[in-house]
Every structure is written in structure tokens, then in C-alpha cells.
């Protein structure tokens, strides 16, 4: 996840693998509504499951990842 250093606004996301289509919706919504990485990091995601990955990536954008 790439977020603007000054505003934390989500600028883009890379996702690769068989579950990529499942994960991209978080990024698409965030970018459409001007959300920040922190916004994604504060939302609820299924755990333990693949959809938890965007939350971890968002939290990693400012060094707050729990599992990476």
C-alpha cells in the first residue's frame, strides 16, 4: 500500500496472487472516497483470513503492523 507521507491518503496498492481479486476492493473504495491508510487500518477485516492483508498493509504504511 502506498500512502502520501503528508496526508496518509491511499495513492495505490499492489496485490499479486490467486486472492488478488478478493483483496483489491478495499483499495478501490479507499481511493474512490479519499480514505487514508489509517482509515483502512481501523476497519474490521476477517481474521485469520486473506482479507486481513489490506488492513495489515495499511497499518504497515506508518509502522503499526501487527503481523508483518
PDB file of N, CA and C in Angstrom:
ATOM      1  N   UNK A   1       0.844  -1.156   0.000  1.00  0.00           N
ATOM      2  CA  UNK A   1       0.000   0.000   0.000  1.00  0.00           C
ATOM      3  C   UNK A   1       0.897   1.229   0.000  1.00  0.00           C
ATOM      4  N   UNK A   2       0.588   2.162  -0.881  1.00  0.00           N
ATOM      5  CA  UNK A   2       1.337   3.398  -0.981  1.00  0.00           C
ATOM      6  C   UNK A   2       0.441   4.536  -0.517  1.00  0.00           C
ATOM      7  N   UNK A   3       0.895   5.252   0.494  1.00  0.00           N
ATOM      8  CA  UNK A   3       0.124   6.367   1.038  1.00  0.00           C
ATOM      9  C   UNK A   3       0.981   7.625   1.030  1.00  0.00           C
ATOM     10  N   UNK A   4       0.348   8.765   0.806  1.00  0.00           N
ATOM     11  CA  UNK A   4       1.047  10.050   0.815  1.00  0.00           C
ATOM     12  C   UNK A   4       1.638  10.294   2.202  1.00  0.00           C
ATOM     13  N   UNK A   5       2.909  10.658   2.254  1.00  0.00           N
ATOM     14  CA  UNK A   5       3.586  10.847   3.537  1.00  0.00           C
ATOM     15  C   UNK A   5       2.991  11.996   4.345  1.00  0.00           C
ATOM     16  N   UNK A   6       2.484  13.007   3.678  1.00  0.00           N
ATOM     17  CA  UNK A   6       1.953  14.169   4.391  1.00  0.00           C
ATOM     18  C   UNK A   6       0.497  13.992   4.812  1.00  0.00           C
ATOM     19  N   UNK A   7      -0.312  13.373   3.952  1.00  0.00           N
ATOM     20  CA  UNK A   7      -1.753  13.289   4.221  1.00  0.00           C
ATOM     21  C   UNK A   7      -2.234  11.897   4.603  1.00  0.00           C
ATOM     22  N   UNK A   8      -1.425  10.870   4.361  1.00  0.00           N
ATOM     23  CA  UNK A   8      -1.768   9.467   4.595  1.00  0.00           C
ATOM     24  C   UNK A   8      -2.838   8.968   3.624  1.00  0.00           C
ATOM     25  N   UNK A   9      -3.187   9.751   2.621  1.00  0.00           N
ATOM     26  CA  UNK A   9      -4.185   9.333   1.625  1.00  0.00           C
ATOM     27  C   UNK A   9      -3.632   8.177   0.797  1.00  0.00           C
ATOM     28  N   UNK A  10      -4.458   7.150   0.582  1.00  0.00           N
ATOM     29  CA  UNK A  10      -4.044   5.980  -0.188  1.00  0.00           C
ATOM     30  C   UNK A  10      -3.883   6.389  -1.652  1.00  0.00           C
ATOM     31  N   UNK A  11      -2.680   6.163  -2.194  1.00  0.00           N
ATOM     32  CA  UNK A  11      -2.381   6.522  -3.575  1.00  0.00           C
ATOM     33  C   UNK A  11      -2.428   5.319  -4.508  1.00  0.00           C
ATOM     34  N   UNK A  12      -2.138   4.147  -3.982  1.00  0.00           N
ATOM     35  CA  UNK A  12      -2.147   2.951  -4.808  1.00  0.00           C
ATOM     36  C   UNK A  12      -1.837   1.717  -3.992  1.00  0.00           C
ATOM     37  N   UNK A  13      -2.096   0.563  -4.606  1.00  0.00           N
ATOM     38  CA  UNK A  13      -1.882  -0.719  -3.944  1.00  0.00           C
ATOM     39  C   UNK A  13      -1.435  -1.736  -4.979  1.00  0.00           C
ATOM     40  N   UNK A  14      -0.491  -2.577  -4.600  1.00  0.00           N
ATOM     41  CA  UNK A  14      -0.082  -3.704  -5.429  1.00  0.00           C
ATOM     42  C   UNK A  14      -0.572  -4.960  -4.733  1.00  0.00           C
ATOM     43  N   UNK A  15      -1.191  -5.843  -5.489  1.00  0.00           N
ATOM     44  CA  UNK A  15      -1.601  -7.133  -4.937  1.00  0.00           C
ATOM     45  C   UNK A  15      -1.375  -8.192  -6.003  1.00  0.00           C
ATOM     46  N   UNK A  16      -0.759  -9.298  -5.601  1.00  0.00           N
ATOM     47  CA  UNK A  16      -0.382 -10.354  -6.529  1.00  0.00           C
ATOM     48  C   UNK A  16      -0.808 -11.694  -5.943  1.00  0.00           C
ATOM     49  N   UNK A  17      -1.317 -12.561  -6.781  1.00  0.00           N
ATOM     50  CA  UNK A  17      -1.623 -13.914  -6.346  1.00  0.00           C
ATOM     51  C   UNK A  17      -3.062 -14.292  -6.603  1.00  0.00           C
ATOM     52  N   UNK A  18      -3.401 -15.538  -6.268  1.00  0.00           N
ATOM     53  CA  UNK A  18      -4.732 -16.047  -6.559  1.00  0.00           C
ATOM     54  C   UNK A  18      -5.857 -15.298  -5.842  1.00  0.00           C
ATOM     55  N   UNK A  19      -5.571 -14.657  -4.717  1.00  0.00           N
ATOM     56  CA  UNK A  19      -6.602 -13.936  -3.981  1.00  0.00           C
ATOM     57  C   UNK A  19      -6.635 -12.445  -4.270  1.00  0.00           C
ATOM     58  N   UNK A  20      -5.913 -11.999  -5.282  1.00  0.00           N
ATOM     59  CA  UNK A  20      -5.811 -10.562  -5.565  1.00  0.00           C
ATOM     60  C   UNK A  20      -7.177  -9.921  -5.796  1.00  0.00           C
ATOM     61  N   UNK A  21      -8.046 -10.597  -6.503  1.00  0.00           N
ATOM     62  CA  UNK A  21      -9.371 -10.049  -6.769  1.00  0.00           C
ATOM     63  C   UNK A  21     -10.201  -9.864  -5.509  1.00  0.00           C
ATOM     64  N   UNK A  22      -9.943 -10.676  -4.523  1.00  0.00           N
ATOM     65  CA  UNK A  22     -10.648 -10.580  -3.248  1.00  0.00           C
ATOM     66  C   UNK A  22     -10.158  -9.393  -2.427  1.00  0.00           C
ATOM     67  N   UNK A  23      -8.907  -9.032  -2.609  1.00  0.00           N
ATOM     68  CA  UNK A  23      -8.291  -8.001  -1.775  1.00  0.00           C
ATOM     69  C   UNK A  23      -8.408  -6.585  -2.325  1.00  0.00           C
ATOM     70  N   UNK A  24      -8.574  -6.440  -3.613  1.00  0.00           N
ATOM     71  CA  UNK A  24      -8.459  -5.127  -4.232  1.00  0.00           C
ATOM     72  C   UNK A  24      -9.623  -4.189  -3.901  1.00  0.00           C
ATOM     73  N   UNK A  25     -10.742  -4.726  -3.450  1.00  0.00           N
ATOM     74  CA  UNK A  25     -11.902  -3.865  -3.187  1.00  0.00           C
ATOM     75  C   UNK A  25     -11.642  -2.837  -2.093  1.00  0.00           C
ATOM     76  N   UNK A  26     -10.874  -3.197  -1.061  1.00  0.00           N
ATOM     77  CA  UNK A  26     -10.541  -2.230  -0.005  1.00  0.00           C
ATOM     78  C   UNK A  26      -9.816  -1.022  -0.594  1.00  0.00           C
ATOM     79  N   UNK A  27      -8.844  -1.289  -1.419  1.00  0.00           N
ATOM     80  CA  UNK A  27      -8.064  -0.202  -2.014  1.00  0.00           C
ATOM     81  C   UNK A  27      -8.916   0.636  -2.958  1.00  0.00           C
ATOM     82  N   UNK A  28      -9.739  -0.019  -3.751  1.00  0.00           N
ATOM     83  CA  UNK A  28     -10.587   0.721  -4.691  1.00  0.00           C
ATOM     84  C   UNK A  28     -11.546   1.648  -3.952  1.00  0.00           C
ATOM     85  N   UNK A  29     -12.156   1.167  -2.895  1.00  0.00           N
ATOM     86  CA  UNK A  29     -13.055   2.014  -2.102  1.00  0.00           C
ATOM     87  C   UNK A  29     -12.304   3.152  -1.432  1.00  0.00           C
ATOM     88  N   UNK A  30     -11.162   2.839  -0.864  1.00  0.00           N
ATOM     89  CA  UNK A  30     -10.374   3.863  -0.186  1.00  0.00           C
ATOM     90  C   UNK A  30      -9.976   4.972  -1.147  1.00  0.00           C
ATOM     91  N   UNK A  31      -9.516   4.600  -2.316  1.00  0.00           N
ATOM     92  CA  UNK A  31      -9.087   5.593  -3.286  1.00  0.00           C
ATOM     93  C   UNK A  31     -10.268   6.380  -3.837  1.00  0.00           C
ATOM     94  N   UNK A  32     -11.402   5.742  -4.028  1.00  0.00           N
ATOM     95  CA  UNK A  32     -12.590   6.429  -4.549  1.00  0.00           C
ATOM     96  C   UNK A  32     -13.111   7.487  -3.580  1.00  0.00           C
ATOM     97  N   UNK A  33     -12.976   7.223  -2.286  1.00  0.00           N
ATOM     98  CA  UNK A  33     -13.510   8.137  -1.285  1.00  0.00           C
ATOM     99  C   UNK A  33     -12.438   8.964  -0.576  1.00  0.00           C
ATOM    100  N   UNK A  34     -11.195   8.895  -1.067  1.00  0.00           N
ATOM    101  CA  UNK A  34     -10.126   9.694  -0.486  1.00  0.00           C
ATOM    102  C   UNK A  34      -9.734   9.278   0.914  1.00  0.00           C
ATOM    103  N   UNK A  35      -9.858   7.990   1.218  1.00  0.00           N
ATOM    104  CA  UNK A  35      -9.548   7.498   2.560  1.00  0.00           C
ATOM    105  C   UNK A  35      -8.039   7.477   2.803  1.00  0.00           C
ATOM    106  N   UNK A  36      -7.698   7.432   4.066  1.00  0.00           N
ATOM    107  CA  UNK A  36      -6.297   7.329   4.454  1.00  0.00           C
ATOM    108  C   UNK A  36      -5.965   5.864   4.754  1.00  0.00           C
ATOM    109  N   UNK A  37      -4.672   5.570   4.817  1.00  0.00           N
ATOM    110  CA  UNK A  37      -4.263   4.227   5.207  1.00  0.00           C
ATOM    111  C   UNK A  37      -4.755   3.929   6.623  1.00  0.00           C
ATOM    112  N   UNK A  38      -4.763   4.936   7.473  1.00  0.00           N
ATOM    113  CA  UNK A  38      -5.261   4.742   8.834  1.00  0.00           C
ATOM    114  C   UNK A  38      -6.736   4.348   8.829  1.00  0.00           C
ATOM    115  N   UNK A  39      -7.533   4.918   7.916  1.00  0.00           N
ATOM    116  CA  UNK A  39      -8.946   4.543   7.818  1.00  0.00           C
ATOM    117  C   UNK A  39      -9.093   3.050   7.555  1.00  0.00           C
ATOM    118  N   UNK A  40      -8.302   2.534   6.619  1.00  0.00           N
ATOM    119  CA  UNK A  40      -8.362   1.099   6.314  1.00  0.00           C
ATOM    120  C   UNK A  40      -7.863   0.297   7.512  1.00  0.00           C
ATOM    121  N   UNK A  41      -6.804   0.753   8.136  1.00  0.00           N
ATOM    122  CA  UNK A  41      -6.236   0.059   9.292  1.00  0.00           C
ATOM    123  C   UNK A  41      -7.183  -0.023  10.474  1.00  0.00           C
ATOM    124  N   UNK A  42      -8.125   0.893  10.564  1.00  0.00           N
ATOM    125  CA  UNK A  42      -9.068   0.902  11.683  1.00  0.00           C
ATOM    126  C   UNK A  42     -10.349   0.123  11.399  1.00  0.00           C
ATOM    127  N   UNK A  43     -10.526  -0.359  10.178  1.00  0.00           N
ATOM    128  CA  UNK A  43     -11.742  -1.092   9.851  1.00  0.00           C
ATOM    129  C   UNK A  43     -11.599  -2.569  10.222  1.00  0.00           C
ATOM    130  N   UNK A  44     -12.715  -3.239  10.343  1.00  0.00           N
ATOM    131  CA  UNK A  44     -12.739  -4.646  10.715  1.00  0.00           C
ATOM    132  C   UNK A  44     -12.567  -5.518   9.476  1.00  0.00           C
ATOM    133  N   UNK A  45     -11.680  -6.478   9.566  1.00  0.00           N
ATOM    134  CA  UNK A  45     -11.445  -7.446   8.497  1.00  0.00           C
ATOM    135  C   UNK A  45     -11.471  -8.842   9.099  1.00  0.00           C
ATOM    136  N   UNK A  46     -11.894  -9.812   8.300  1.00  0.00           N
ATOM    137  CA  UNK A  46     -11.959 -11.202   8.766  1.00  0.00           C
ATOM    138  C   UNK A  46     -10.579 -11.666   9.224  1.00  0.00           C
ATOM    139  N   UNK A  47     -10.556 -12.387  10.342  1.00  0.00           N
ATOM    140  CA  UNK A  47      -9.293 -12.872  10.862  1.00  0.00           C
ATOM    141  C   UNK A  47      -9.470 -14.264  11.416  1.00  0.00           C
ATOM    142  N   UNK A  48      -8.623 -15.181  11.205  1.00  0.00           N
ATOM    143  CA  UNK A  48      -7.477 -15.115  10.308  1.00  0.00           C
ATOM    144  C   UNK A  48      -7.919 -15.502   8.898  1.00  0.00           C
ATOM    145  N   UNK A  49      -7.713 -14.648   7.978  1.00  0.00           N
ATOM    146  CA  UNK A  49      -8.109 -14.903   6.592  1.00  0.00           C
ATOM    147  C   UNK A  49      -7.382 -13.939   5.666  1.00  0.00           C
ATOM    148  N   UNK A  50      -7.423 -14.231   4.401  1.00  0.00           N
ATOM    149  CA  UNK A  50      -6.762 -13.400   3.402  1.00  0.00           C
ATOM    150  C   UNK A  50      -7.242 -11.951   3.429  1.00  0.00           C
ATOM    151  N   UNK A  51      -8.529 -11.655   3.635  1.00  0.00           N
ATOM    152  CA  UNK A  51      -8.969 -10.260   3.655  1.00  0.00           C
ATOM    153  C   UNK A  51      -8.348  -9.406   4.764  1.00  0.00           C
ATOM    154  N   UNK A  52      -7.625 -10.018   5.682  1.00  0.00           N
ATOM    155  CA  UNK A  52      -6.930  -9.259   6.717  1.00  0.00           C
ATOM    156  C   UNK A  52      -5.677  -8.564   6.158  1.00  0.00           C
ATOM    157  N   UNK A  53      -5.189  -9.009   5.012  1.00  0.00           N
ATOM    158  CA  UNK A  53      -3.957  -8.470   4.432  1.00  0.00           C
ATOM    159  C   UNK A  53      -4.018  -6.968   4.145  1.00  0.00           C
ATOM    160  N   UNK A  54      -5.102  -6.428   3.559  1.00  0.00           N
ATOM    161  CA  UNK A  54      -5.128  -4.976   3.331  1.00  0.00           C
ATOM    162  C   UNK A  54      -5.047  -4.170   4.629  1.00  0.00           C
ATOM    163  N   UNK A  55      -5.659  -4.664   5.671  1.00  0.00           N
ATOM    164  CA  UNK A  55      -5.585  -3.970   6.961  1.00  0.00           C
ATOM    165  C   UNK A  55      -4.145  -3.928   7.456  1.00  0.00           C
ATOM    166  N   UNK A  56      -3.447  -5.051   7.352  1.00  0.00           N
ATOM    167  CA  UNK A  56      -2.054  -5.101   7.785  1.00  0.00           C
ATOM    168  C   UNK A  56      -1.187  -4.195   6.922  1.00  0.00           C
ATOM    169  N   UNK A  57      -1.433  -4.170   5.620  1.00  0.00           N
ATOM    170  CA  UNK A  57      -0.665  -3.292   4.732  1.00  0.00           C
ATOM    171  C   UNK A  57      -0.911  -1.831   5.083  1.00  0.00           C
ATOM    172  N   UNK A  58      -2.151  -1.489   5.385  1.00  0.00           N
ATOM    173  CA  UNK A  58      -2.479  -0.116   5.760  1.00  0.00           C
ATOM    174  C   UNK A  58      -1.794   0.260   7.064  1.00  0.00           C
ATOM    175  N   UNK A  59      -1.789  -0.649   8.018  1.00  0.00           N
ATOM    176  CA  UNK A  59      -1.135  -0.367   9.300  1.00  0.00           C
ATOM    177  C   UNK A  59       0.381  -0.288   9.122  1.00  0.00           C
ATOM    178  N   UNK A  60       0.927  -1.046   8.180  1.00  0.00           N
ATOM    179  CA  UNK A  60       2.366  -1.019   7.922  1.00  0.00           C
ATOM    180  C   UNK A  60       2.796   0.305   7.278  1.00  0.00           C
ATOM    181  N   UNK A  61       1.866   1.011   6.654  1.00  0.00           N
ATOM    182  CA  UNK A  61       2.200   2.276   5.993  1.00  0.00           C
ATOM    183  C   UNK A  61       2.787   3.282   6.979  1.00  0.00           C
ATOM    184  N   UNK A  62       2.432   3.176   8.249  1.00  0.00           N
ATOM    185  CA  UNK A  62       3.013   4.069   9.245  1.00  0.00           C
ATOM    186  C   UNK A  62       3.671   3.307  10.396  1.00  0.00           C
ATOM    187  N   UNK A  63       4.070   2.054  10.106  1.00  0.00           N
ATOM    188  CA  UNK A  63       4.839   1.285  11.081  1.00  0.00           C
ATOM    189  C   UNK A  63       4.022   0.670  12.204  1.00  0.00           C
ATOM    190  N   UNK A  64       2.716   0.469  12.012  1.00  0.00           N
ATOM    191  CA  UNK A  64       1.875  -0.076  13.087  1.00  0.00           C
ATOM    192  C   UNK A  64       1.382  -1.481  12.808  1.00  0.00           C
ATOM    193  N   UNK A  65       1.987  -2.194  11.871  1.00  0.00           N
ATOM    194  CA  UNK A  65       1.544  -3.530  11.531  1.00  0.00           C
ATOM    195  C   UNK A  65       1.688  -4.472  12.724  1.00  0.00           C
ATOM    196  N   UNK A  66       0.717  -5.354  12.879  1.00  0.00           N
ATOM    197  CA  UNK A  66       0.759  -6.314  13.980  1.00  0.00           C
ATOM    198  C   UNK A  66       1.452  -7.621  13.577  1.00  0.00           C
ATOM    199  N   UNK A  67       1.420  -7.982  12.294  1.00  0.00           N
ATOM    200  CA  UNK A  67       1.893  -9.291  11.886  1.00  0.00           C
ATOM    201  C   UNK A  67       2.994  -9.276  10.837  1.00  0.00           C
ATOM    202  N   UNK A  68       3.371  -8.132  10.325  1.00  0.00           N
ATOM    203  CA  UNK A  68       4.423  -8.092   9.309  1.00  0.00           C
ATOM    204  C   UNK A  68       5.750  -7.735   9.905  1.00  0.00           C
TER     205      UNK A  68
END
